[in-house]
Each structure stands twice: as C-alpha cells, then as structure tokens.
Amino acid sequence: MNVSAKVYTPEQVASMLQLSKNTVYNLISRGEIIAKKIGKVYRIPAKSLSFIFEGLDYDLYQKEQEDLKNLPQIQKALSKARYKLWRRKSKSL
C-alpha cells in the first residue's frame, strides 16, 4: 500500500487544467476523470490524470494491453459459464 501516493482535490485539478470546478465535477460524474469520494469530498489520484501528461492515446493503449493480457482468463471463464448453461439447459430437456 502506497500511503504517499499523490492525490488532488477537484479544485486543484481545475486549476491545473484551467477549467472551472463545475467542469471537473462533470468530468468526474461522466467517468472521464477517476475520483474517489471520501465522505463528502472527492480525491483524484495523480495516476488518473496521466492523460494530461502522456496523452489519452497512451492511456487507451495501456488499458488495451491489460485487456489482451487478461484475455485468456476471460475466455476460460466464458467457456466454463457456457458449459454450465449448456448442461443446465440439456438437463431440463
């Protein structure tokens, strides 16, 4: 657990991006900025703002690579689920 991870408030992010505070809250509610609500306040991890520094394409590339890495596990889980459904369906016939 990295307790020293950098986090920002929506106000700080608004200042960094030269946006209004309301725009940042809208981006959070639409899921375009990942934030964690703690009590009544949001905290935004620096990592979720990497698209600002590295570009959105890089973030998408990273997520795509994670998906590809997990694809065999996903396919295996789907195969098991299909088999269970098939068995259940064939028993009811």
PDB file of N, CA and C in Angstrom:
ATOM      1  N   MET A   1       0.846  -1.174   0.000  1.00  0.00           N
ATOM      2  CA  MET A   1       0.000   0.000   0.000  1.00  0.00           C
ATOM      3  C   MET A   1       0.891   1.236   0.000  1.00  0.00           C
ATOM      4  N   ASN A   2       0.635   2.116  -0.948  1.00  0.00           N
ATOM      5  CA  ASN A   2       1.438   3.326  -1.078  1.00  0.00           C
ATOM      6  C   ASN A   2       0.681   4.492  -0.470  1.00  0.00           C
ATOM      7  N   VAL A   3       0.953   4.788   0.784  1.00  0.00           N
ATOM      8  CA  VAL A   3       0.244   5.844   1.509  1.00  0.00           C
ATOM      9  C   VAL A   3       0.645   7.220   1.004  1.00  0.00           C
ATOM     10  N   SER A   4       1.816   7.344   0.424  1.00  0.00           N
ATOM     11  CA  SER A   4       2.295   8.644  -0.027  1.00  0.00           C
ATOM     12  C   SER A   4       1.887   8.974  -1.463  1.00  0.00           C
ATOM     13  N   ALA A   5       0.960   8.219  -2.041  1.00  0.00           N
ATOM     14  CA  ALA A   5       0.515   8.488  -3.404  1.00  0.00           C
ATOM     15  C   ALA A   5      -0.099   9.879  -3.481  1.00  0.00           C
ATOM     16  N   LYS A   6       0.222  10.591  -4.544  1.00  0.00           N
ATOM     17  CA  LYS A   6      -0.251  11.963  -4.710  1.00  0.00           C
ATOM     18  C   LYS A   6      -1.716  11.963  -5.139  1.00  0.00           C
ATOM     19  N   VAL A   7      -2.507  12.758  -4.445  1.00  0.00           N
ATOM     20  CA  VAL A   7      -3.912  12.947  -4.815  1.00  0.00           C
ATOM     21  C   VAL A   7      -4.202  14.444  -4.878  1.00  0.00           C
ATOM     22  N   TYR A   8      -5.220  14.772  -5.651  1.00  0.00           N
ATOM     23  CA  TYR A   8      -5.606  16.167  -5.831  1.00  0.00           C
ATOM     24  C   TYR A   8      -7.075  16.355  -5.487  1.00  0.00           C
ATOM     25  N   THR A   9      -7.422  17.571  -5.157  1.00  0.00           N
ATOM     26  CA  THR A   9      -8.830  17.937  -4.987  1.00  0.00           C
ATOM     27  C   THR A   9      -9.356  18.373  -6.352  1.00  0.00           C
ATOM     28  N   PRO A  10     -10.675  18.364  -6.539  1.00  0.00           N
ATOM     29  CA  PRO A  10     -11.223  18.873  -7.800  1.00  0.00           C
ATOM     30  C   PRO A  10     -10.795  20.320  -8.075  1.00  0.00           C
ATOM     31  N   GLU A  11     -10.665  21.109  -7.030  1.00  0.00           N
ATOM     32  CA  GLU A  11     -10.239  22.500  -7.200  1.00  0.00           C
ATOM     33  C   GLU A  11      -8.818  22.573  -7.760  1.00  0.00           C
ATOM     34  N   GLN A  12      -7.931  21.716  -7.250  1.00  0.00           N
ATOM     35  CA  GLN A  12      -6.554  21.693  -7.745  1.00  0.00           C
ATOM     36  C   GLN A  12      -6.504  21.248  -9.205  1.00  0.00           C
ATOM     37  N   VAL A  13      -7.309  20.229  -9.531  1.00  0.00           N
ATOM     38  CA  VAL A  13      -7.349  19.735 -10.907  1.00  0.00           C
ATOM     39  C   VAL A  13      -7.899  20.815 -11.830  1.00  0.00           C
ATOM     40  N   ALA A  14      -8.935  21.520 -11.386  1.00  0.00           N
ATOM     41  CA  ALA A  14      -9.499  22.609 -12.189  1.00  0.00           C
ATOM     42  C   ALA A  14      -8.428  23.650 -12.491  1.00  0.00           C
ATOM     43  N   SER A  15      -7.635  23.982 -11.502  1.00  0.00           N
ATOM     44  CA  SER A  15      -6.565  24.958 -11.691  1.00  0.00           C
ATOM     45  C   SER A  15      -5.502  24.432 -12.655  1.00  0.00           C
ATOM     46  N   MET A  16      -5.113  23.158 -12.497  1.00  0.00           N
ATOM     47  CA  MET A  16      -4.097  22.557 -13.367  1.00  0.00           C
ATOM     48  C   MET A  16      -4.543  22.539 -14.821  1.00  0.00           C
ATOM     49  N   LEU A  17      -5.825  22.220 -15.037  1.00  0.00           N
ATOM     50  CA  LEU A  17      -6.352  22.073 -16.395  1.00  0.00           C
ATOM     51  C   LEU A  17      -6.952  23.361 -16.941  1.00  0.00           C
ATOM     52  N   GLN A  18      -6.960  24.388 -16.130  1.00  0.00           N
ATOM     53  CA  GLN A  18      -7.574  25.667 -16.484  1.00  0.00           C
ATOM     54  C   GLN A  18      -9.039  25.475 -16.883  1.00  0.00           C
ATOM     55  N   LEU A  19      -9.751  24.767 -16.020  1.00  0.00           N
ATOM     56  CA  LEU A  19     -11.177  24.512 -16.186  1.00  0.00           C
ATOM     57  C   LEU A  19     -11.901  25.047 -14.965  1.00  0.00           C
ATOM     58  N   SER A  20     -13.218  25.143 -15.090  1.00  0.00           N
ATOM     59  CA  SER A  20     -13.988  25.522 -13.908  1.00  0.00           C
ATOM     60  C   SER A  20     -14.123  24.305 -12.996  1.00  0.00           C
ATOM     61  N   LYS A  21     -14.382  24.571 -11.738  1.00  0.00           N
ATOM     62  CA  LYS A  21     -14.585  23.491 -10.769  1.00  0.00           C
ATOM     63  C   LYS A  21     -15.783  22.637 -11.191  1.00  0.00           C
ATOM     64  N   ASN A  22     -16.851  23.285 -11.697  1.00  0.00           N
ATOM     65  CA  ASN A  22     -18.036  22.540 -12.138  1.00  0.00           C
ATOM     66  C   ASN A  22     -17.717  21.597 -13.288  1.00  0.00           C
ATOM     67  N   THR A  23     -16.858  22.028 -14.199  1.00  0.00           N
ATOM     68  CA  THR A  23     -16.467  21.164 -15.314  1.00  0.00           C
ATOM     69  C   THR A  23     -15.748  19.928 -14.802  1.00  0.00           C
ATOM     70  N   VAL A  24     -14.882  20.093 -13.826  1.00  0.00           N
ATOM     71  CA  VAL A  24     -14.165  18.947 -13.251  1.00  0.00           C
ATOM     72  C   VAL A  24     -15.160  17.985 -12.606  1.00  0.00           C
ATOM     73  N   TYR A  25     -16.125  18.505 -11.866  1.00  0.00           N
ATOM     74  CA  TYR A  25     -17.141  17.636 -11.259  1.00  0.00           C
ATOM     75  C   TYR A  25     -17.954  16.912 -12.338  1.00  0.00           C
ATOM     76  N   ASN A  26     -18.247  17.586 -13.440  1.00  0.00           N
ATOM     77  CA  ASN A  26     -18.958  16.934 -14.546  1.00  0.00           C
ATOM     78  C   ASN A  26     -18.108  15.824 -15.153  1.00  0.00           C
ATOM     79  N   LEU A  27     -16.813  16.074 -15.321  1.00  0.00           N
ATOM     80  CA  LEU A  27     -15.917  15.045 -15.850  1.00  0.00           C
ATOM     81  C   LEU A  27     -15.853  13.839 -14.917  1.00  0.00           C
ATOM     82  N   ILE A  28     -15.882  14.093 -13.624  1.00  0.00           N
ATOM     83  CA  ILE A  28     -15.894  13.001 -12.642  1.00  0.00           C
ATOM     84  C   ILE A  28     -17.187  12.204 -12.770  1.00  0.00           C
ATOM     85  N   SER A  29     -18.313  12.894 -12.840  1.00  0.00           N
ATOM     86  CA  SER A  29     -19.604  12.185 -12.895  1.00  0.00           C
ATOM     87  C   SER A  29     -19.756  11.391 -14.188  1.00  0.00           C
ATOM     88  N   ARG A  30     -19.107  11.830 -15.273  1.00  0.00           N
ATOM     89  CA  ARG A  30     -19.163  11.099 -16.545  1.00  0.00           C
ATOM     90  C   ARG A  30     -18.110  10.003 -16.622  1.00  0.00           C
ATOM     91  N   GLY A  31     -17.252   9.921 -15.611  1.00  0.00           N
ATOM     92  CA  GLY A  31     -16.229   8.883 -15.596  1.00  0.00           C
ATOM     93  C   GLY A  31     -14.995   9.218 -16.410  1.00  0.00           C
ATOM     94  N   GLU A  32     -14.873  10.449 -16.869  1.00  0.00           N
ATOM     95  CA  GLU A  32     -13.708  10.835 -17.660  1.00  0.00           C
ATOM     96  C   GLU A  32     -12.498  11.122 -16.777  1.00  0.00           C
ATOM     97  N   ILE A  33     -12.753  11.456 -15.533  1.00  0.00           N
ATOM     98  CA  ILE A  33     -11.700  11.575 -14.527  1.00  0.00           C
ATOM     99  C   ILE A  33     -12.082  10.628 -13.395  1.00  0.00           C
ATOM    100  N   ILE A  34     -11.171   9.742 -13.039  1.00  0.00           N
ATOM    101  CA  ILE A  34     -11.422   8.784 -11.970  1.00  0.00           C
ATOM    102  C   ILE A  34     -11.183   9.485 -10.635  1.00  0.00           C
ATOM    103  N   ALA A  35     -12.165   9.397  -9.759  1.00  0.00           N
ATOM    104  CA  ALA A  35     -12.049  10.030  -8.442  1.00  0.00           C
ATOM    105  C   ALA A  35     -12.701   9.134  -7.403  1.00  0.00           C
ATOM    106  N   LYS A  36     -12.270   9.278  -6.182  1.00  0.00           N
ATOM    107  CA  LYS A  36     -12.828   8.524  -5.056  1.00  0.00           C
ATOM    108  C   LYS A  36     -13.466   9.513  -4.100  1.00  0.00           C
ATOM    109  N   LYS A  37     -14.728   9.270  -3.773  1.00  0.00           N
ATOM    110  CA  LYS A  37     -15.405  10.141  -2.824  1.00  0.00           C
ATOM    111  C   LYS A  37     -15.137   9.616  -1.418  1.00  0.00           C
ATOM    112  N   ILE A  38     -14.558  10.461  -0.603  1.00  0.00           N
ATOM    113  CA  ILE A  38     -14.261  10.122   0.787  1.00  0.00           C
ATOM    114  C   ILE A  38     -15.078  11.079   1.640  1.00  0.00           C
ATOM    115  N   GLY A  39     -16.106  10.537   2.267  1.00  0.00           N
ATOM    116  CA  GLY A  39     -17.032  11.405   2.995  1.00  0.00           C
ATOM    117  C   GLY A  39     -17.785  12.266   2.007  1.00  0.00           C
ATOM    118  N   LYS A  40     -17.616  13.561   2.118  1.00  0.00           N
ATOM    119  CA  LYS A  40     -18.304  14.480   1.215  1.00  0.00           C
ATOM    120  C   LYS A  40     -17.384  15.075   0.153  1.00  0.00           C
ATOM    121  N   VAL A  41     -16.117  14.676   0.154  1.00  0.00           N
ATOM    122  CA  VAL A  41     -15.167  15.285  -0.773  1.00  0.00           C
ATOM    123  C   VAL A  41     -14.566  14.245  -1.724  1.00  0.00           C
ATOM    124  N   TYR A  42     -14.231  14.692  -2.912  1.00  0.00           N
ATOM    125  CA  TYR A  42     -13.578  13.841  -3.898  1.00  0.00           C
ATOM    126  C   TYR A  42     -12.072  13.996  -3.793  1.00  0.00           C
ATOM    127  N   ARG A  43     -11.373  12.904  -4.039  1.00  0.00           N
ATOM    128  CA  ARG A  43      -9.923  12.912  -4.165  1.00  0.00           C
ATOM    129  C   ARG A  43      -9.594  12.245  -5.493  1.00  0.00           C
ATOM    130  N   ILE A  44      -8.706  12.867  -6.232  1.00  0.00           N
ATOM    131  CA  ILE A  44      -8.364  12.403  -7.571  1.00  0.00           C
ATOM    132  C   ILE A  44      -6.904  11.960  -7.571  1.00  0.00           C
ATOM    133  N   PRO A  45      -6.651  10.664  -7.798  1.00  0.00           N
ATOM    134  CA  PRO A  45      -5.264  10.194  -7.829  1.00  0.00           C
ATOM    135  C   PRO A  45      -4.523  10.783  -9.029  1.00  0.00           C
ATOM    136  N   ALA A  46      -3.269  11.114  -8.822  1.00  0.00           N
ATOM    137  CA  ALA A  46      -2.452  11.668  -9.905  1.00  0.00           C
ATOM    138  C   ALA A  46      -2.414  10.716 -11.095  1.00  0.00           C
ATOM    139  N   LYS A  47      -2.424   9.426 -10.811  1.00  0.00           N
ATOM    140  CA  LYS A  47      -2.361   8.425 -11.879  1.00  0.00           C
ATOM    141  C   LYS A  47      -3.548   8.542 -12.834  1.00  0.00           C
ATOM    142  N   SER A  48      -4.703   8.951 -12.314  1.00  0.00           N
ATOM    143  CA  SER A  48      -5.877   9.057 -13.181  1.00  0.00           C
ATOM    144  C   SER A  48      -5.806  10.278 -14.090  1.00  0.00           C
ATOM    145  N   LEU A  49      -4.832  11.140 -13.867  1.00  0.00           N
ATOM    146  CA  LEU A  49      -4.658  12.325 -14.708  1.00  0.00           C
ATOM    147  C   LEU A  49      -3.518  12.156 -15.704  1.00  0.00           C
ATOM    148  N   SER A  50      -3.041  10.928 -15.868  1.00  0.00           N
ATOM    149  CA  SER A  50      -1.884  10.710 -16.741  1.00  0.00           C
ATOM    150  C   SER A  50      -2.156  11.130 -18.174  1.00  0.00           C
ATOM    151  N   PHE A  51      -3.438  11.126 -18.588  1.00  0.00           N
ATOM    152  CA  PHE A  51      -3.748  11.528 -19.960  1.00  0.00           C
ATOM    153  C   PHE A  51      -3.342  12.976 -20.221  1.00  0.00           C
ATOM    154  N   ILE A  52      -3.262  13.781 -19.180  1.00  0.00           N
ATOM    155  CA  ILE A  52      -2.861  15.182 -19.332  1.00  0.00           C
ATOM    156  C   ILE A  52      -1.398  15.257 -19.765  1.00  0.00           C
ATOM    157  N   PHE A  53      -0.583  14.401 -19.161  1.00  0.00           N
ATOM    158  CA  PHE A  53       0.851  14.469 -19.388  1.00  0.00           C
ATOM    159  C   PHE A  53       1.329  13.553 -20.512  1.00  0.00           C
ATOM    160  N   GLU A  54       0.648  12.436 -20.696  1.00  0.00           N
ATOM    161  CA  GLU A  54       1.113  11.446 -21.667  1.00  0.00           C
ATOM    162  C   GLU A  54       0.170  11.290 -22.843  1.00  0.00           C
ATOM    163  N   GLY A  55      -0.982  11.889 -22.779  1.00  0.00           N
ATOM    164  CA  GLY A  55      -1.943  11.793 -23.871  1.00  0.00           C
ATOM    165  C   GLY A  55      -2.927  10.674 -23.647  1.00  0.00           C
ATOM    166  N   LEU A  56      -4.146  10.896 -24.081  1.00  0.00           N
ATOM    167  CA  LEU A  56      -5.212   9.914 -23.915  1.00  0.00           C
ATOM    168  C   LEU A  56      -4.899   8.631 -24.667  1.00  0.00           C
ATOM    169  N   ASP A  57      -4.246   8.749 -25.824  1.00  0.00           N
ATOM    170  CA  ASP A  57      -3.917   7.561 -26.600  1.00  0.00           C
ATOM    171  C   ASP A  57      -3.054   6.595 -25.801  1.00  0.00           C
ATOM    172  N   TYR A  58      -2.142   7.117 -25.000  1.00  0.00           N
ATOM    173  CA  TYR A  58      -1.285   6.262 -24.195  1.00  0.00           C
ATOM    174  C   TYR A  58      -2.105   5.515 -23.144  1.00  0.00           C
ATOM    175  N   ASP A  59      -3.055   6.208 -22.507  1.00  0.00           N
ATOM    176  CA  ASP A  59      -3.929   5.559 -21.523  1.00  0.00           C
ATOM    177  C   ASP A  59      -4.728   4.441 -22.176  1.00  0.00           C
ATOM    178  N   LEU A  60      -5.280   4.716 -23.346  1.00  0.00           N
ATOM    179  CA  LEU A  60      -6.057   3.695 -24.050  1.00  0.00           C
ATOM    180  C   LEU A  60      -5.173   2.515 -24.439  1.00  0.00           C
ATOM    181  N   TYR A  61      -3.965   2.802 -24.874  1.00  0.00           N
ATOM    182  CA  TYR A  61      -3.023   1.742 -25.226  1.00  0.00           C
ATOM    183  C   TYR A  61      -2.724   0.857 -24.016  1.00  0.00           C
ATOM    184  N   GLN A  62      -2.489   1.482 -22.855  1.00  0.00           N
ATOM    185  CA  GLN A  62      -2.207   0.712 -21.638  1.00  0.00           C
ATOM    186  C   GLN A  62      -3.384  -0.191 -21.282  1.00  0.00           C
ATOM    187  N   LYS A  63      -4.602   0.346 -21.343  1.00  0.00           N
ATOM    188  CA  LYS A  63      -5.784  -0.450 -20.998  1.00  0.00           C
ATOM    189  C   LYS A  63      -5.974  -1.586 -21.993  1.00  0.00           C
ATOM    190  N   GLU A  64      -5.713  -1.314 -23.265  1.00  0.00           N
ATOM    191  CA  GLU A  64      -5.831  -2.358 -24.275  1.00  0.00           C
ATOM    192  C   GLU A  64      -4.828  -3.478 -24.008  1.00  0.00           C
ATOM    193  N   GLN A  65      -3.613  -3.127 -23.609  1.00  0.00           N
ATOM    194  CA  GLN A  65      -2.603  -4.128 -23.294  1.00  0.00           C
ATOM    195  C   GLN A  65      -3.015  -4.965 -22.082  1.00  0.00           C
ATOM    196  N   GLU A  66      -3.615  -4.324 -21.078  1.00  0.00           N
ATOM    197  CA  GLU A  66      -4.119  -5.059 -19.911  1.00  0.00           C
ATOM    198  C   GLU A  66      -5.212  -6.033 -20.338  1.00  0.00           C
ATOM    199  N   ASP A  67      -6.113  -5.574 -21.215  1.00  0.00           N
ATOM    200  CA  ASP A  67      -7.185  -6.439 -21.702  1.00  0.00           C
ATOM    201  C   ASP A  67      -6.614  -7.644 -22.436  1.00  0.00           C
ATOM    202  N   LEU A  68      -5.631  -7.408 -23.293  1.00  0.00           N
ATOM    203  CA  LEU A  68      -5.025  -8.505 -24.040  1.00  0.00           C
ATOM    204  C   LEU A  68      -4.346  -9.500 -23.105  1.00  0.00           C
ATOM    205  N   LYS A  69      -3.716  -8.995 -22.060  1.00  0.00           N
ATOM    206  CA  LYS A  69      -3.044  -9.862 -21.089  1.00  0.00           C
ATOM    207  C   LYS A  69      -4.066 -10.745 -20.359  1.00  0.00           C
ATOM    208  N   ASN A  70      -5.245 -10.196 -20.090  1.00  0.00           N
ATOM    209  CA  ASN A  70      -6.274 -10.921 -19.348  1.00  0.00           C
ATOM    210  C   ASN A  70      -7.199 -11.739 -20.242  1.00  0.00           C
ATOM    211  N   LEU A  71      -7.049 -11.628 -21.551  1.00  0.00           N
ATOM    212  CA  LEU A  71      -7.951 -12.301 -22.477  1.00  0.00           C
ATOM    213  C   LEU A  71      -8.052 -13.813 -22.258  1.00  0.00           C
ATOM    214  N   PRO A  72      -6.946 -14.541 -22.065  1.00  0.00           N
ATOM    215  CA  PRO A  72      -7.078 -15.985 -21.842  1.00  0.00           C
ATOM    216  C   PRO A  72      -7.935 -16.325 -20.613  1.00  0.00           C
ATOM    217  N   GLN A  73      -7.786 -15.569 -19.538  1.00  0.00           N
ATOM    218  CA  GLN A  73      -8.593 -15.816 -18.335  1.00  0.00           C
ATOM    219  C   GLN A  73     -10.070 -15.529 -18.613  1.00  0.00           C
ATOM    220  N   ILE A  74     -10.328 -14.471 -19.349  1.00  0.00           N
ATOM    221  CA  ILE A  74     -11.709 -14.114 -19.682  1.00  0.00           C
ATOM    222  C   ILE A  74     -12.329 -15.199 -20.549  1.00  0.00           C
ATOM    223  N   GLN A  75     -11.587 -15.663 -21.558  1.00  0.00           N
ATOM    224  CA  GLN A  75     -12.100 -16.708 -22.438  1.00  0.00           C
ATOM    225  C   GLN A  75     -12.363 -18.001 -21.670  1.00  0.00           C
ATOM    226  N   LYS A  76     -11.493 -18.332 -20.738  1.00  0.00           N
ATOM    227  CA  LYS A  76     -11.671 -19.546 -19.933  1.00  0.00           C
ATOM    228  C   LYS A  76     -12.932 -19.435 -19.075  1.00  0.00           C
ATOM    229  N   ALA A  77     -13.135 -18.269 -18.453  1.00  0.00           N
ATOM    230  CA  ALA A  77     -14.322 -18.056 -17.622  1.00  0.00           C
ATOM    231  C   ALA A  77     -15.593 -18.122 -18.464  1.00  0.00           C
ATOM    232  N   LEU A  78     -15.557 -17.549 -19.658  1.00  0.00           N
ATOM    233  CA  LEU A  78     -16.723 -17.610 -20.545  1.00  0.00           C
ATOM    234  C   LEU A  78     -17.017 -19.041 -20.972  1.00  0.00           C
ATOM    235  N   SER A  79     -15.968 -19.780 -21.259  1.00  0.00           N
ATOM    236  CA  SER A  79     -16.136 -21.171 -21.665  1.00  0.00           C
ATOM    237  C   SER A  79     -16.796 -21.990 -20.557  1.00  0.00           C
ATOM    238  N   LYS A  80     -16.351 -21.801 -19.322  1.00  0.00           N
ATOM    239  CA  LYS A  80     -16.951 -22.507 -18.183  1.00  0.00           C
ATOM    240  C   LYS A  80     -18.412 -22.121 -18.008  1.00  0.00           C
ATOM    241  N   ALA A  81     -18.706 -20.839 -18.132  1.00  0.00           N
ATOM    242  CA  ALA A  81     -20.082 -20.366 -17.964  1.00  0.00           C
ATOM    243  C   ALA A  81     -20.981 -20.938 -19.053  1.00  0.00           C
ATOM    244  N   ARG A  82     -20.495 -20.960 -20.293  1.00  0.00           N
ATOM    245  CA  ARG A  82     -21.286 -21.529 -21.396  1.00  0.00           C
ATOM    246  C   ARG A  82     -21.553 -23.015 -21.159  1.00  0.00           C
ATOM    247  N   TYR A  83     -20.530 -23.732 -20.686  1.00  0.00           N
ATOM    248  CA  TYR A  83     -20.684 -25.158 -20.432  1.00  0.00           C
ATOM    249  C   TYR A  83     -21.740 -25.402 -19.355  1.00  0.00           C
ATOM    250  N   LYS A  84     -21.685 -24.615 -18.278  1.00  0.00           N
ATOM    251  CA  LYS A  84     -22.676 -24.762 -17.207  1.00  0.00           C
ATOM    252  C   LYS A  84     -24.082 -24.473 -17.719  1.00  0.00           C
ATOM    253  N   LEU A  85     -24.223 -23.441 -18.532  1.00  0.00           N
ATOM    254  CA  LEU A  85     -25.539 -23.127 -19.105  1.00  0.00           C
ATOM    255  C   LEU A  85     -26.023 -24.250 -20.009  1.00  0.00           C
ATOM    256  N   TRP A  86     -25.118 -24.789 -20.817  1.00  0.00           N
ATOM    257  CA  TRP A  86     -25.473 -25.871 -21.720  1.00  0.00           C
ATOM    258  C   TRP A  86     -25.932 -27.096 -20.938  1.00  0.00           C
ATOM    259  N   ARG A  87     -25.202 -27.433 -19.856  1.00  0.00           N
ATOM    260  CA  ARG A  87     -25.578 -28.589 -19.030  1.00  0.00           C
ATOM    261  C   ARG A  87     -26.936 -28.373 -18.386  1.00  0.00           C
ATOM    262  N   ARG A  88     -27.156 -27.174 -17.866  1.00  0.00           N
ATOM    263  CA  ARG A  88     -28.423 -26.859 -17.219  1.00  0.00           C
ATOM    264  C   ARG A  88     -29.577 -26.963 -18.219  1.00  0.00           C
ATOM    265  N   LYS A  89     -29.339 -26.458 -19.416  1.00  0.00           N
ATOM    266  CA  LYS A  89     -30.372 -26.478 -20.451  1.00  0.00           C
ATOM    267  C   LYS A  89     -30.650 -27.911 -20.908  1.00  0.00           C
ATOM    268  N   SER A  90     -29.597 -28.719 -21.071  1.00  0.00           N
ATOM    269  CA  SER A  90     -29.784 -30.092 -21.540  1.00  0.00           C
ATOM    270  C   SER A  90     -30.468 -30.962 -20.482  1.00  0.00           C
ATOM    271  N   LYS A  91     -30.278 -30.665 -19.203  1.00  0.00           N
ATOM    272  CA  LYS A  91     -30.954 -31.413 -18.139  1.00  0.00           C
ATOM    273  C   LYS A  91     -32.445 -31.116 -18.111  1.00  0.00           C
ATOM    274  N   SER A  92     -32.803 -29.891 -18.462  1.00  0.00           N
ATOM    275  CA  SER A  92     -34.216 -29.512 -18.400  1.00  0.00           C
ATOM    276  C   SER A  92     -35.000 -30.043 -19.595  1.00  0.00           C
ATOM    277  N   LEU A  93     -34.303 -30.509 -20.633  1.00  0.00           N
ATOM    278  CA  LEU A  93     -34.996 -31.043 -21.813  1.00  0.00           C
ATOM    279  C   LEU A  93     -35.350 -32.441 -21.589  1.00  0.00           C
TER     280      LEU A  93
END
